[in-house]
């Protein structure tokens, strides 16, 4: 029995192995909420196109909307 025949020897109909990102086919870090089925990396790239806005609260409880991917990350 060769390695190729053993590796995918059973069907993946349920569980983590059956789901993958619809953009890059990555299986880890999958966001399934709202039936997105995107990995977290692709979500960061595509969230603006999809229409997600990041809500940010200041110290007083007021919210301001910013778009994903436009933050300047500082260490």
PDB file of N, CA and C in Angstrom:
ATOM      1  N   UNK A   1       0.839  -1.172   0.000  1.00  0.00           N
ATOM      2  CA  UNK A   1       0.000   0.000   0.000  1.00  0.00           C
ATOM      3  C   UNK A   1       0.891   1.245   0.000  1.00  0.00           C
ATOM      4  N   UNK A   2       0.693   2.108  -0.956  1.00  0.00           N
ATOM      5  CA  UNK A   2       1.534   3.299  -1.049  1.00  0.00           C
ATOM      6  C   UNK A   2       0.991   4.427  -0.167  1.00  0.00           C
ATOM      7  N   UNK A   3       1.817   5.407   0.022  1.00  0.00           N
ATOM      8  CA  UNK A   3       1.449   6.539   0.880  1.00  0.00           C
ATOM      9  C   UNK A   3       0.250   7.302   0.323  1.00  0.00           C
ATOM     10  N   UNK A   4       0.177   7.508  -0.976  1.00  0.00           N
ATOM     11  CA  UNK A   4      -0.916   8.266  -1.592  1.00  0.00           C
ATOM     12  C   UNK A   4      -2.273   7.601  -1.369  1.00  0.00           C
ATOM     13  N   UNK A   5      -2.305   6.285  -1.394  1.00  0.00           N
ATOM     14  CA  UNK A   5      -3.580   5.595  -1.224  1.00  0.00           C
ATOM     15  C   UNK A   5      -4.056   5.616   0.231  1.00  0.00           C
ATOM     16  N   UNK A   6      -3.140   5.751   1.172  1.00  0.00           N
ATOM     17  CA  UNK A   6      -3.504   5.774   2.582  1.00  0.00           C
ATOM     18  C   UNK A   6      -3.870   7.189   3.032  1.00  0.00           C
ATOM     19  N   UNK A   7      -3.227   8.207   2.470  1.00  0.00           N
ATOM     20  CA  UNK A   7      -3.384   9.583   2.933  1.00  0.00           C
ATOM     21  C   UNK A   7      -4.835  10.056   2.855  1.00  0.00           C
ATOM     22  N   UNK A   8      -5.497   9.856   1.739  1.00  0.00           N
ATOM     23  CA  UNK A   8      -6.896  10.258   1.572  1.00  0.00           C
ATOM     24  C   UNK A   8      -7.786   9.033   1.454  1.00  0.00           C
ATOM     25  N   UNK A   9      -7.623   8.100   2.393  1.00  0.00           N
ATOM     26  CA  UNK A   9      -8.319   6.828   2.260  1.00  0.00           C
ATOM     27  C   UNK A   9      -9.760   6.865   2.764  1.00  0.00           C
ATOM     28  N   UNK A  10     -10.131   7.893   3.515  1.00  0.00           N
ATOM     29  CA  UNK A  10     -11.516   7.951   3.984  1.00  0.00           C
ATOM     30  C   UNK A  10     -12.125   9.298   3.600  1.00  0.00           C
ATOM     31  N   UNK A  11     -13.412   9.328   3.370  1.00  0.00           N
ATOM     32  CA  UNK A  11     -14.048  10.576   2.934  1.00  0.00           C
ATOM     33  C   UNK A  11     -14.102  11.615   4.052  1.00  0.00           C
ATOM     34  N   UNK A  12     -14.021  12.883   3.684  1.00  0.00           N
ATOM     35  CA  UNK A  12     -14.103  13.993   4.634  1.00  0.00           C
ATOM     36  C   UNK A  12     -15.451  14.682   4.452  1.00  0.00           C
ATOM     37  N   UNK A  13     -16.470  14.176   5.141  1.00  0.00           N
ATOM     38  CA  UNK A  13     -17.812  14.719   5.008  1.00  0.00           C
ATOM     39  C   UNK A  13     -18.211  15.602   6.178  1.00  0.00           C
ATOM     40  N   UNK A  14     -17.463  15.556   7.269  1.00  0.00           N
ATOM     41  CA  UNK A  14     -17.782  16.337   8.455  1.00  0.00           C
ATOM     42  C   UNK A  14     -16.486  16.610   9.198  1.00  0.00           C
ATOM     43  N   UNK A  15     -16.515  17.573  10.097  1.00  0.00           N
ATOM     44  CA  UNK A  15     -15.347  17.909  10.894  1.00  0.00           C
ATOM     45  C   UNK A  15     -14.473  18.952  10.226  1.00  0.00           C
ATOM     46  N   UNK A  16     -13.356  19.261  10.885  1.00  0.00           N
ATOM     47  CA  UNK A  16     -12.461  20.304  10.393  1.00  0.00           C
ATOM     48  C   UNK A  16     -11.866  19.982   9.031  1.00  0.00           C
ATOM     49  N   UNK A  17     -11.622  18.724   8.771  1.00  0.00           N
ATOM     50  CA  UNK A  17     -11.003  18.339   7.506  1.00  0.00           C
ATOM     51  C   UNK A  17     -11.893  18.536   6.300  1.00  0.00           C
ATOM     52  N   UNK A  18     -13.185  18.669   6.513  1.00  0.00           N
ATOM     53  CA  UNK A  18     -14.101  18.812   5.386  1.00  0.00           C
ATOM     54  C   UNK A  18     -14.302  20.262   4.974  1.00  0.00           C
ATOM     55  N   UNK A  19     -13.847  21.214   5.806  1.00  0.00           N
ATOM     56  CA  UNK A  19     -14.081  22.632   5.527  1.00  0.00           C
ATOM     57  C   UNK A  19     -12.774  23.331   5.191  1.00  0.00           C
ATOM     58  N   UNK A  20     -12.820  24.244   4.224  1.00  0.00           N
ATOM     59  CA  UNK A  20     -11.635  25.008   3.867  1.00  0.00           C
ATOM     60  C   UNK A  20     -12.041  26.402   3.419  1.00  0.00           C
ATOM     61  N   UNK A  21     -11.072  27.279   3.358  1.00  0.00           N
ATOM     62  CA  UNK A  21     -11.292  28.658   2.925  1.00  0.00           C
ATOM     63  C   UNK A  21     -11.705  28.654   1.462  1.00  0.00           C
ATOM     64  N   UNK A  22     -12.702  29.461   1.126  1.00  0.00           N
ATOM     65  CA  UNK A  22     -13.180  29.496  -0.255  1.00  0.00           C
ATOM     66  C   UNK A  22     -12.239  30.255  -1.179  1.00  0.00           C
ATOM     67  N   UNK A  23     -11.267  30.990  -0.624  1.00  0.00           N
ATOM     68  CA  UNK A  23     -10.320  31.744  -1.445  1.00  0.00           C
ATOM     69  C   UNK A  23      -9.037  30.948  -1.664  1.00  0.00           C
ATOM     70  N   UNK A  24      -8.403  30.529  -0.556  1.00  0.00           N
ATOM     71  CA  UNK A  24      -7.076  29.909  -0.665  1.00  0.00           C
ATOM     72  C   UNK A  24      -7.056  28.425  -0.310  1.00  0.00           C
ATOM     73  N   UNK A  25      -8.180  27.857   0.086  1.00  0.00           N
ATOM     74  CA  UNK A  25      -8.315  26.435   0.449  1.00  0.00           C
ATOM     75  C   UNK A  25      -7.559  26.051   1.715  1.00  0.00           C
ATOM     76  N   UNK A  26      -7.161  27.030   2.536  1.00  0.00           N
ATOM     77  CA  UNK A  26      -6.506  26.774   3.814  1.00  0.00           C
ATOM     78  C   UNK A  26      -7.551  26.249   4.796  1.00  0.00           C
ATOM     79  N   UNK A  27      -7.173  25.327   5.680  1.00  0.00           N
ATOM     80  CA  UNK A  27      -8.159  24.730   6.581  1.00  0.00           C
ATOM     81  C   UNK A  27      -8.086  25.276   8.001  1.00  0.00           C
ATOM     82  N   UNK A  28      -6.997  25.939   8.379  1.00  0.00           N
ATOM     83  CA  UNK A  28      -6.857  26.441   9.748  1.00  0.00           C
ATOM     84  C   UNK A  28      -7.320  27.893   9.839  1.00  0.00           C
ATOM     85  N   UNK A  29      -7.802  28.288  11.006  1.00  0.00           N
ATOM     86  CA  UNK A  29      -8.227  29.668  11.236  1.00  0.00           C
ATOM     87  C   UNK A  29      -9.447  30.057  10.435  1.00  0.00           C
ATOM     88  N   UNK A  30     -10.370  29.134  10.271  1.00  0.00           N
ATOM     89  CA  UNK A  30     -11.531  29.348   9.408  1.00  0.00           C
ATOM     90  C   UNK A  30     -12.628  30.117  10.135  1.00  0.00           C
ATOM     91  N   UNK A  31     -13.162  31.146   9.489  1.00  0.00           N
ATOM     92  CA  UNK A  31     -14.285  31.917  10.023  1.00  0.00           C
ATOM     93  C   UNK A  31     -15.536  31.421   9.331  1.00  0.00           C
ATOM     94  N   UNK A  32     -16.380  30.714  10.085  1.00  0.00           N
ATOM     95  CA  UNK A  32     -17.588  30.115   9.516  1.00  0.00           C
ATOM     96  C   UNK A  32     -18.828  30.947   9.785  1.00  0.00           C
ATOM     97  N   UNK A  33     -18.727  31.930  10.664  1.00  0.00           N
ATOM     98  CA  UNK A  33     -19.886  32.731  11.039  1.00  0.00           C
ATOM     99  C   UNK A  33     -20.452  33.434   9.810  1.00  0.00           C
ATOM    100  N   UNK A  34     -21.756  33.523   9.749  1.00  0.00           N
ATOM    101  CA  UNK A  34     -22.500  34.092   8.618  1.00  0.00           C
ATOM    102  C   UNK A  34     -22.196  33.353   7.317  1.00  0.00           C
ATOM    103  N   UNK A  35     -21.761  32.100   7.418  1.00  0.00           N
ATOM    104  CA  UNK A  35     -21.432  31.272   6.257  1.00  0.00           C
ATOM    105  C   UNK A  35     -20.354  31.916   5.384  1.00  0.00           C
ATOM    106  N   UNK A  36     -19.365  32.569   6.027  1.00  0.00           N
ATOM    107  CA  UNK A  36     -18.272  33.198   5.281  1.00  0.00           C
ATOM    108  C   UNK A  36     -17.314  32.158   4.719  1.00  0.00           C
ATOM    109  N   UNK A  37     -16.901  31.208   5.565  1.00  0.00           N
ATOM    110  CA  UNK A  37     -15.940  30.171   5.189  1.00  0.00           C
ATOM    111  C   UNK A  37     -14.672  30.769   4.588  1.00  0.00           C
ATOM    112  N   UNK A  38     -14.094  31.738   5.322  1.00  0.00           N
ATOM    113  CA  UNK A  38     -12.827  32.357   4.948  1.00  0.00           C
ATOM    114  C   UNK A  38     -11.828  32.132   6.070  1.00  0.00           C
ATOM    115  N   UNK A  39     -10.561  31.912   5.721  1.00  0.00           N
ATOM    116  CA  UNK A  39      -9.550  31.852   6.768  1.00  0.00           C
ATOM    117  C   UNK A  39      -9.306  33.276   7.256  1.00  0.00           C
ATOM    118  N   UNK A  40      -8.685  33.409   8.418  1.00  0.00           N
ATOM    119  CA  UNK A  40      -8.545  34.732   9.023  1.00  0.00           C
ATOM    120  C   UNK A  40      -7.671  35.658   8.187  1.00  0.00           C
ATOM    121  N   UNK A  41      -6.696  35.118   7.464  1.00  0.00           N
ATOM    122  CA  UNK A  41      -5.845  35.951   6.627  1.00  0.00           C
ATOM    123  C   UNK A  41      -6.630  36.517   5.447  1.00  0.00           C
ATOM    124  N   UNK A  42      -7.421  35.682   4.797  1.00  0.00           N
ATOM    125  CA  UNK A  42      -8.226  36.145   3.661  1.00  0.00           C
ATOM    126  C   UNK A  42      -9.319  37.093   4.126  1.00  0.00           C
ATOM    127  N   UNK A  43      -9.849  36.880   5.337  1.00  0.00           N
ATOM    128  CA  UNK A  43     -10.862  37.789   5.861  1.00  0.00           C
ATOM    129  C   UNK A  43     -10.298  39.193   6.020  1.00  0.00           C
ATOM    130  N   UNK A  44      -9.074  39.296   6.507  1.00  0.00           N
ATOM    131  CA  UNK A  44      -8.463  40.624   6.658  1.00  0.00           C
ATOM    132  C   UNK A  44      -8.279  41.305   5.310  1.00  0.00           C
ATOM    133  N   UNK A  45      -7.966  40.532   4.278  1.00  0.00           N
ATOM    134  CA  UNK A  45      -7.775  41.111   2.948  1.00  0.00           C
ATOM    135  C   UNK A  45      -9.096  41.499   2.300  1.00  0.00           C
ATOM    136  N   UNK A  46     -10.124  40.696   2.482  1.00  0.00           N
ATOM    137  CA  UNK A  46     -11.380  40.872   1.746  1.00  0.00           C
ATOM    138  C   UNK A  46     -12.486  41.559   2.541  1.00  0.00           C
ATOM    139  N   UNK A  47     -12.273  41.846   3.830  1.00  0.00           N
ATOM    140  CA  UNK A  47     -13.361  42.349   4.670  1.00  0.00           C
ATOM    141  C   UNK A  47     -13.917  43.683   4.182  1.00  0.00           C
ATOM    142  N   UNK A  48     -13.082  44.553   3.670  1.00  0.00           N
ATOM    143  CA  UNK A  48     -13.559  45.845   3.168  1.00  0.00           C
ATOM    144  C   UNK A  48     -14.475  45.642   1.964  1.00  0.00           C
ATOM    145  N   UNK A  49     -14.119  44.720   1.081  1.00  0.00           N
ATOM    146  CA  UNK A  49     -14.939  44.433  -0.100  1.00  0.00           C
ATOM    147  C   UNK A  49     -16.274  43.802   0.289  1.00  0.00           C
ATOM    148  N   UNK A  50     -16.266  42.984   1.345  1.00  0.00           N
ATOM    149  CA  UNK A  50     -17.489  42.324   1.797  1.00  0.00           C
ATOM    150  C   UNK A  50     -18.418  43.329   2.471  1.00  0.00           C
ATOM    151  N   UNK A  51     -17.852  44.335   3.147  1.00  0.00           N
ATOM    152  CA  UNK A  51     -18.666  45.350   3.802  1.00  0.00           C
ATOM    153  C   UNK A  51     -18.577  45.346   5.311  1.00  0.00           C
ATOM    154  N   UNK A  52     -17.554  44.706   5.875  1.00  0.00           N
ATOM    155  CA  UNK A  52     -17.371  44.702   7.321  1.00  0.00           C
ATOM    156  C   UNK A  52     -16.627  45.956   7.748  1.00  0.00           C
ATOM    157  N   UNK A  53     -17.102  46.581   8.817  1.00  0.00           N
ATOM    158  CA  UNK A  53     -16.429  47.723   9.423  1.00  0.00           C
ATOM    159  C   UNK A  53     -16.046  47.354  10.836  1.00  0.00           C
ATOM    160  N   UNK A  54     -14.890  47.826  11.259  1.00  0.00           N
ATOM    161  CA  UNK A  54     -14.412  47.553  12.604  1.00  0.00           C
ATOM    162  C   UNK A  54     -14.906  48.656  13.528  1.00  0.00           C
ATOM    163  N   UNK A  55     -15.615  48.282  14.592  1.00  0.00           N
ATOM    164  CA  UNK A  55     -16.119  49.248  15.563  1.00  0.00           C
ATOM    165  C   UNK A  55     -15.087  49.411  16.667  1.00  0.00           C
ATOM    166  N   UNK A  56     -14.727  50.643  16.942  1.00  0.00           N
ATOM    167  CA  UNK A  56     -13.695  50.929  17.921  1.00  0.00           C
ATOM    168  C   UNK A  56     -14.291  51.821  19.002  1.00  0.00           C
ATOM    169  N   UNK A  57     -14.116  51.457  20.270  1.00  0.00           N
ATOM    170  CA  UNK A  57     -14.655  52.252  21.372  1.00  0.00           C
ATOM    171  C   UNK A  57     -13.551  53.085  21.996  1.00  0.00           C
ATOM    172  N   UNK A  58     -13.872  54.349  22.275  1.00  0.00           N
ATOM    173  CA  UNK A  58     -12.943  55.154  23.050  1.00  0.00           C
ATOM    174  C   UNK A  58     -13.217  54.933  24.536  1.00  0.00           C
ATOM    175  N   UNK A  59     -12.545  55.628  25.401  1.00  0.00           N
ATOM    176  CA  UNK A  59     -12.682  55.424  26.838  1.00  0.00           C
ATOM    177  C   UNK A  59     -14.043  55.782  27.385  1.00  0.00           C
ATOM    178  N   UNK A  60     -14.825  56.588  26.665  1.00  0.00           N
ATOM    179  CA  UNK A  60     -16.123  57.041  27.161  1.00  0.00           C
ATOM    180  C   UNK A  60     -17.277  56.182  26.674  1.00  0.00           C
ATOM    181  N   UNK A  61     -17.001  55.124  25.950  1.00  0.00           N
ATOM    182  CA  UNK A  61     -18.053  54.235  25.470  1.00  0.00           C
ATOM    183  C   UNK A  61     -18.613  54.620  24.119  1.00  0.00           C
ATOM    184  N   UNK A  62     -18.060  55.655  23.493  1.00  0.00           N
ATOM    185  CA  UNK A  62     -18.509  56.044  22.157  1.00  0.00           C
ATOM    186  C   UNK A  62     -17.835  55.168  21.116  1.00  0.00           C
ATOM    187  N   UNK A  63     -18.594  54.808  20.088  1.00  0.00           N
ATOM    188  CA  UNK A  63     -18.053  53.949  19.041  1.00  0.00           C
ATOM    189  C   UNK A  63     -17.751  54.764  17.804  1.00  0.00           C
ATOM    190  N   UNK A  64     -16.657  54.438  17.153  1.00  0.00           N
ATOM    191  CA  UNK A  64     -16.354  55.035  15.865  1.00  0.00           C
ATOM    192  C   UNK A  64     -16.001  53.905  14.911  1.00  0.00           C
ATOM    193  N   UNK A  65     -16.464  54.014  13.683  1.00  0.00           N
ATOM    194  CA  UNK A  65     -16.268  52.944  12.711  1.00  0.00           C
ATOM    195  C   UNK A  65     -14.977  53.183  11.947  1.00  0.00           C
ATOM    196  N   UNK A  66     -14.170  52.150  11.848  1.00  0.00           N
ATOM    197  CA  UNK A  66     -12.993  52.174  10.991  1.00  0.00           C
ATOM    198  C   UNK A  66     -13.079  50.965  10.086  1.00  0.00           C
ATOM    199  N   UNK A  67     -12.396  51.029   8.972  1.00  0.00           N
ATOM    200  CA  UNK A  67     -12.428  49.912   8.033  1.00  0.00           C
ATOM    201  C   UNK A  67     -11.270  48.977   8.325  1.00  0.00           C
ATOM    202  N   UNK A  68     -11.498  47.688   8.134  1.00  0.00           N
ATOM    203  CA  UNK A  68     -10.440  46.707   8.337  1.00  0.00           C
ATOM    204  C   UNK A  68      -9.325  46.950   7.338  1.00  0.00           C
ATOM    205  N   UNK A  69      -8.112  46.679   7.753  1.00  0.00           N
ATOM    206  CA  UNK A  69      -6.981  46.756   6.848  1.00  0.00           C
ATOM    207  C   UNK A  69      -6.393  48.144   6.719  1.00  0.00           C
ATOM    208  N   UNK A  70      -7.000  49.172   7.311  1.00  0.00           N
ATOM    209  CA  UNK A  70      -6.481  50.519   7.187  1.00  0.00           C
ATOM    210  C   UNK A  70      -5.805  51.009   8.460  1.00  0.00           C
ATOM    211  N   UNK A  71      -5.683  50.168   9.460  1.00  0.00           N
ATOM    212  CA  UNK A  71      -5.036  50.577  10.689  1.00  0.00           C
ATOM    213  C   UNK A  71      -3.529  50.542  10.494  1.00  0.00           C
ATOM    214  N   UNK A  72      -2.850  51.471  11.124  1.00  0.00           N
ATOM    215  CA  UNK A  72      -1.393  51.448  11.142  1.00  0.00           C
ATOM    216  C   UNK A  72      -0.975  50.765  12.432  1.00  0.00           C
ATOM    217  N   UNK A  73      -0.429  49.574  12.321  1.00  0.00           N
ATOM    218  CA  UNK A  73      -0.047  48.815  13.500  1.00  0.00           C
ATOM    219  C   UNK A  73       1.289  49.316  13.992  1.00  0.00           C
ATOM    220  N   UNK A  74       1.364  49.597  15.265  1.00  0.00           N
ATOM    221  CA  UNK A  74       2.599  50.073  15.861  1.00  0.00           C
ATOM    222  C   UNK A  74       2.977  49.150  16.999  1.00  0.00           C
ATOM    223  N   UNK A  75       4.259  48.893  17.110  1.00  0.00           N
ATOM    224  CA  UNK A  75       4.743  48.005  18.177  1.00  0.00           C
ATOM    225  C   UNK A  75       5.079  48.788  19.412  1.00  0.00           C
TER     226      UNK A  75
END
